[in-house]
């Protein structure tokens, strides 16, 4: 049976040709291994991790909904204020669907459009958490995350690329991350991401808190 995530789903600005033809992707051949399926065409707007004070630790945005750093930070603050004291795992905010999970002093968020499949967003969140749980040696908390930011970026890049979901199986993510680490470690892009986020954290610490 064709898995839902393998079927194309047009999004604004993406998949225009598919939207015009209206034809679904062909079903996978019988007996095709799960690991060989095509990347999902469900898309993610953003993934970010905040600490218990709502400060950004890691974030990646995949479209221009929030084009500036100021807009991103404001959005993250509003989302945190809406979710940090609730027991729910899903929120609807600003025309977007947000799934989230807390762990000790961290809050993990995955953001999709209001039309996005909630179960698919949750599968990305679960994959992110379980993969980080392995990379951080079952210590998914701020100190360990800060000390292993490079591994965290590798994990996220294996799950989502350009907003497209590549993988939702944490075992597959861990294998790919281990392979990349053994094959030469971080790419220049990953190093740049880590350096930029560490700089942002330093600058953020000097900003007045309201």
Protein backbone atom coordinates (compact mmCIF):
# COMPACT_ATOMS: atom_id res chain seq x y z
CA UNK A 1 0.00 0.00 0.00
CA UNK A 2 1.31 3.40 -0.98
CA UNK A 3 2.50 5.37 2.05
CA UNK A 4 0.81 8.80 2.32
CA UNK A 5 4.04 10.76 2.51
CA UNK A 6 5.20 9.49 -0.89
CA UNK A 7 2.30 11.13 -2.75
CA UNK A 8 2.83 14.64 -4.12
CA UNK A 9 0.94 17.47 -2.51
CA UNK A 10 1.17 20.91 -4.18
CA UNK A 11 2.22 23.84 -2.01
CA UNK A 12 2.33 27.54 -2.83
CA UNK A 13 5.29 28.20 -5.08
CA UNK A 14 6.18 24.51 -5.36
CA UNK A 15 5.10 21.67 -7.57
CA UNK A 16 3.28 23.87 -10.06
CA UNK A 17 3.49 21.27 -12.82
CA UNK A 18 2.10 18.55 -10.58
CA UNK A 19 -0.74 20.81 -9.50
CA UNK A 20 -1.66 21.51 -13.13
CA UNK A 21 -1.73 17.86 -14.21
CA UNK A 22 -3.51 16.76 -11.04
CA UNK A 23 -1.97 13.32 -11.35
CA UNK A 24 -0.75 11.52 -8.23
CA UNK A 25 2.64 9.86 -8.11
CA UNK A 26 2.62 6.23 -9.24
CA UNK A 27 2.47 3.63 -6.46
CA UNK A 28 5.74 2.05 -5.38
CA UNK A 29 6.46 -1.35 -6.94
CA UNK A 30 5.41 -4.31 -4.84
CA UNK A 31 8.14 -5.44 -2.50
CA UNK A 32 10.11 -2.22 -2.73
CA UNK A 33 12.30 -1.75 0.38
CA UNK A 34 11.10 0.99 2.72
CA UNK A 35 14.53 2.63 2.74
CA UNK A 36 14.47 3.16 -1.05
CA UNK A 37 11.30 5.25 -1.20
CA UNK A 38 11.43 8.70 -2.74
CA UNK A 39 11.64 11.73 -0.43
CA UNK A 40 8.28 13.03 0.73
CA UNK A 41 6.80 16.09 -0.97
CA UNK A 42 5.18 17.21 2.25
CA UNK A 43 6.98 20.35 3.28
CA UNK A 44 8.13 21.98 6.50
CA UNK A 45 8.20 25.73 7.07
CA UNK A 46 10.57 25.73 10.05
CA UNK A 47 12.19 23.66 12.77
CA UNK A 48 13.53 25.28 15.91
CA UNK A 49 14.65 24.41 19.43
CA UNK A 50 14.28 26.87 22.31
CA UNK A 51 15.47 26.74 25.90
CA UNK A 52 13.21 27.01 28.95
CA UNK A 53 13.32 30.82 28.72
CA UNK A 54 12.24 30.83 25.08
CA UNK A 55 15.72 31.64 23.74
CA UNK A 56 16.70 30.17 20.38
CA UNK A 57 19.30 27.41 20.43
CA UNK A 58 18.85 26.01 16.93
CA UNK A 59 16.60 27.08 14.07
CA UNK A 60 16.17 26.59 10.35
CA UNK A 61 13.52 28.27 8.21
CA UNK A 62 12.71 26.84 4.79
CA UNK A 63 10.58 29.52 3.15
CA UNK A 64 10.13 33.30 3.23
CA UNK A 65 7.19 33.42 5.64
CA UNK A 66 9.53 35.12 8.13
CA UNK A 67 12.29 36.60 5.97
CA UNK A 68 14.18 38.52 8.65
CA UNK A 69 15.86 37.44 11.87
CA UNK A 70 13.67 39.91 13.78
CA UNK A 71 10.48 38.36 12.41
CA UNK A 72 11.71 34.85 13.15
CA UNK A 73 12.60 35.74 16.73
CA UNK A 74 9.22 37.40 17.27
CA UNK A 75 7.44 34.36 15.89
CA UNK A 76 9.44 32.01 18.13
CA UNK A 77 8.67 34.13 21.18
CA UNK A 78 4.95 34.14 20.41
CA UNK A 79 4.92 30.38 19.83
CA UNK A 80 6.82 29.77 23.05
CA UNK A 81 4.43 31.95 25.06
CA UNK A 82 1.48 30.05 23.61
CA UNK A 83 2.87 26.56 24.21
CA UNK A 84 5.29 26.45 27.14
CA UNK A 85 2.61 26.00 29.80
CA UNK A 86 0.32 23.57 28.01
CA UNK A 87 0.21 19.78 27.93
CA UNK A 88 -0.88 19.63 24.31
CA UNK A 89 1.45 18.61 21.47
CA UNK A 90 -0.14 20.65 18.70
CA UNK A 91 -1.05 24.30 18.23
CA UNK A 92 -2.58 26.39 15.47
CA UNK A 93 -1.05 29.82 15.25
CA UNK A 94 -0.94 32.49 12.55
CA UNK A 95 -2.36 30.19 9.89
CA UNK A 96 0.20 27.49 10.67
CA UNK A 97 0.17 24.07 12.30
CA UNK A 98 2.83 23.63 14.97
CA UNK A 99 3.73 20.38 16.73
CA UNK A 100 6.06 20.48 19.70
CA UNK A 101 7.66 18.50 22.49
CA UNK A 102 9.50 19.46 25.67
CA UNK A 103 12.47 17.67 27.19
CA UNK A 104 13.94 18.87 30.50
CA UNK A 105 14.92 22.47 29.56
CA UNK A 106 14.32 22.26 25.80
CA UNK A 107 11.29 22.85 23.57
CA UNK A 108 11.37 21.32 20.07
CA UNK A 109 9.05 22.70 17.36
CA UNK A 110 8.15 21.66 13.82
CA UNK A 111 6.07 24.14 11.80
CA UNK A 112 3.94 23.44 8.73
CA UNK A 113 1.12 25.18 6.88
CA UNK A 114 -2.45 25.03 8.15
CA UNK A 115 -3.20 22.42 5.48
CA UNK A 116 -0.27 20.19 6.37
CA UNK A 117 -0.78 16.65 7.62
CA UNK A 118 -0.51 16.75 11.41
CA UNK A 119 0.62 13.14 11.67
CA UNK A 120 3.40 13.81 9.18
CA UNK A 121 4.59 16.83 11.15
CA UNK A 122 4.52 14.74 14.32
CA UNK A 123 6.56 12.01 12.64
CA UNK A 124 9.25 14.60 11.84
CA UNK A 125 9.22 15.85 15.43
CA UNK A 126 9.48 12.31 16.81
CA UNK A 127 12.30 11.48 14.41
CA UNK A 128 14.17 14.64 15.43
CA UNK A 129 13.79 13.90 19.14
CA UNK A 130 14.74 10.22 18.88
CA UNK A 131 17.75 11.01 16.70
CA UNK A 132 18.95 13.73 19.08
CA UNK A 133 18.35 11.36 21.96
CA UNK A 134 20.91 9.03 20.39
CA UNK A 135 23.41 11.73 19.40
CA UNK A 136 23.20 13.35 22.84
CA UNK A 137 23.45 9.98 24.60
CA UNK A 138 19.94 10.16 26.01
CA UNK A 139 20.56 13.62 27.46
CA UNK A 140 18.26 15.84 25.42
CA UNK A 141 18.89 19.01 27.40
CA UNK A 142 20.47 22.40 26.81
CA UNK A 143 24.01 21.70 28.02
CA UNK A 144 24.44 18.59 25.91
CA UNK A 145 22.83 20.22 22.89
CA UNK A 146 25.19 23.22 23.07
CA UNK A 147 28.18 20.88 23.29
CA UNK A 148 26.99 18.83 20.31
CA UNK A 149 25.49 21.48 18.04
CA UNK A 150 27.35 20.13 15.02
CA UNK A 151 25.72 16.72 15.44
CA UNK A 152 22.32 18.36 15.93
CA UNK A 153 22.63 20.17 12.59
CA UNK A 154 23.67 16.95 10.87
CA UNK A 155 20.58 15.24 12.28
CA UNK A 156 18.24 18.00 11.13
CA UNK A 157 19.78 18.11 7.65
CA UNK A 158 19.20 14.37 7.24
CA UNK A 159 15.52 14.75 8.18
CA UNK A 160 14.59 17.91 6.26
CA UNK A 161 16.30 19.48 3.26
CA UNK A 162 14.96 22.73 1.83
CA UNK A 163 11.69 22.11 3.64
CA UNK A 164 11.19 18.68 2.06
CA UNK A 165 10.99 15.71 4.41
CA UNK A 166 13.72 13.25 3.51
CA UNK A 167 13.50 10.80 6.38
CA UNK A 168 11.23 10.01 9.33
CA UNK A 169 12.98 6.88 10.61
CA UNK A 170 15.45 7.78 13.38
CA UNK A 171 17.50 4.63 12.80
CA UNK A 172 18.10 5.65 9.19
CA UNK A 173 19.01 9.18 10.29
CA UNK A 174 21.50 7.91 12.87
CA UNK A 175 23.15 5.62 10.32
CA UNK A 176 23.53 8.48 7.83
CA UNK A 177 24.87 10.86 10.47
CA UNK A 178 27.42 8.28 11.61
CA UNK A 179 28.46 7.69 8.00
CA UNK A 180 28.93 11.41 7.33
CA UNK A 181 30.94 11.81 10.54
CA UNK A 182 33.18 8.87 9.64
CA UNK A 183 33.53 10.15 6.08
CA UNK A 184 35.06 13.47 7.06
CA UNK A 185 32.89 15.15 9.64
CA UNK A 186 31.08 18.41 9.08
CA UNK A 187 30.66 20.05 5.73
CA UNK A 188 31.62 23.69 5.33
CA UNK A 189 27.92 24.58 5.32
CA UNK A 190 27.32 22.80 8.62
CA UNK A 191 30.33 24.48 10.20
CA UNK A 192 29.02 27.85 9.04
CA UNK A 193 25.58 27.08 10.50
CA UNK A 194 27.04 26.17 13.88
CA UNK A 195 29.27 29.25 13.96
CA UNK A 196 26.41 31.56 13.00
CA UNK A 197 24.09 30.16 15.65
CA UNK A 198 26.74 30.42 18.35
CA UNK A 199 27.29 34.06 17.37
CA UNK A 200 23.52 34.69 17.55
CA UNK A 201 23.39 33.13 21.01
CA UNK A 202 26.20 35.37 22.23
CA UNK A 203 24.52 38.50 20.84
CA UNK A 204 21.14 37.37 22.21
CA UNK A 205 22.59 37.10 25.71
CA UNK A 206 23.38 40.83 25.66
CA UNK A 207 19.87 41.91 24.66
CA UNK A 208 17.62 43.30 27.43
CA UNK A 209 14.92 40.91 28.61
CA UNK A 210 11.36 42.16 28.99
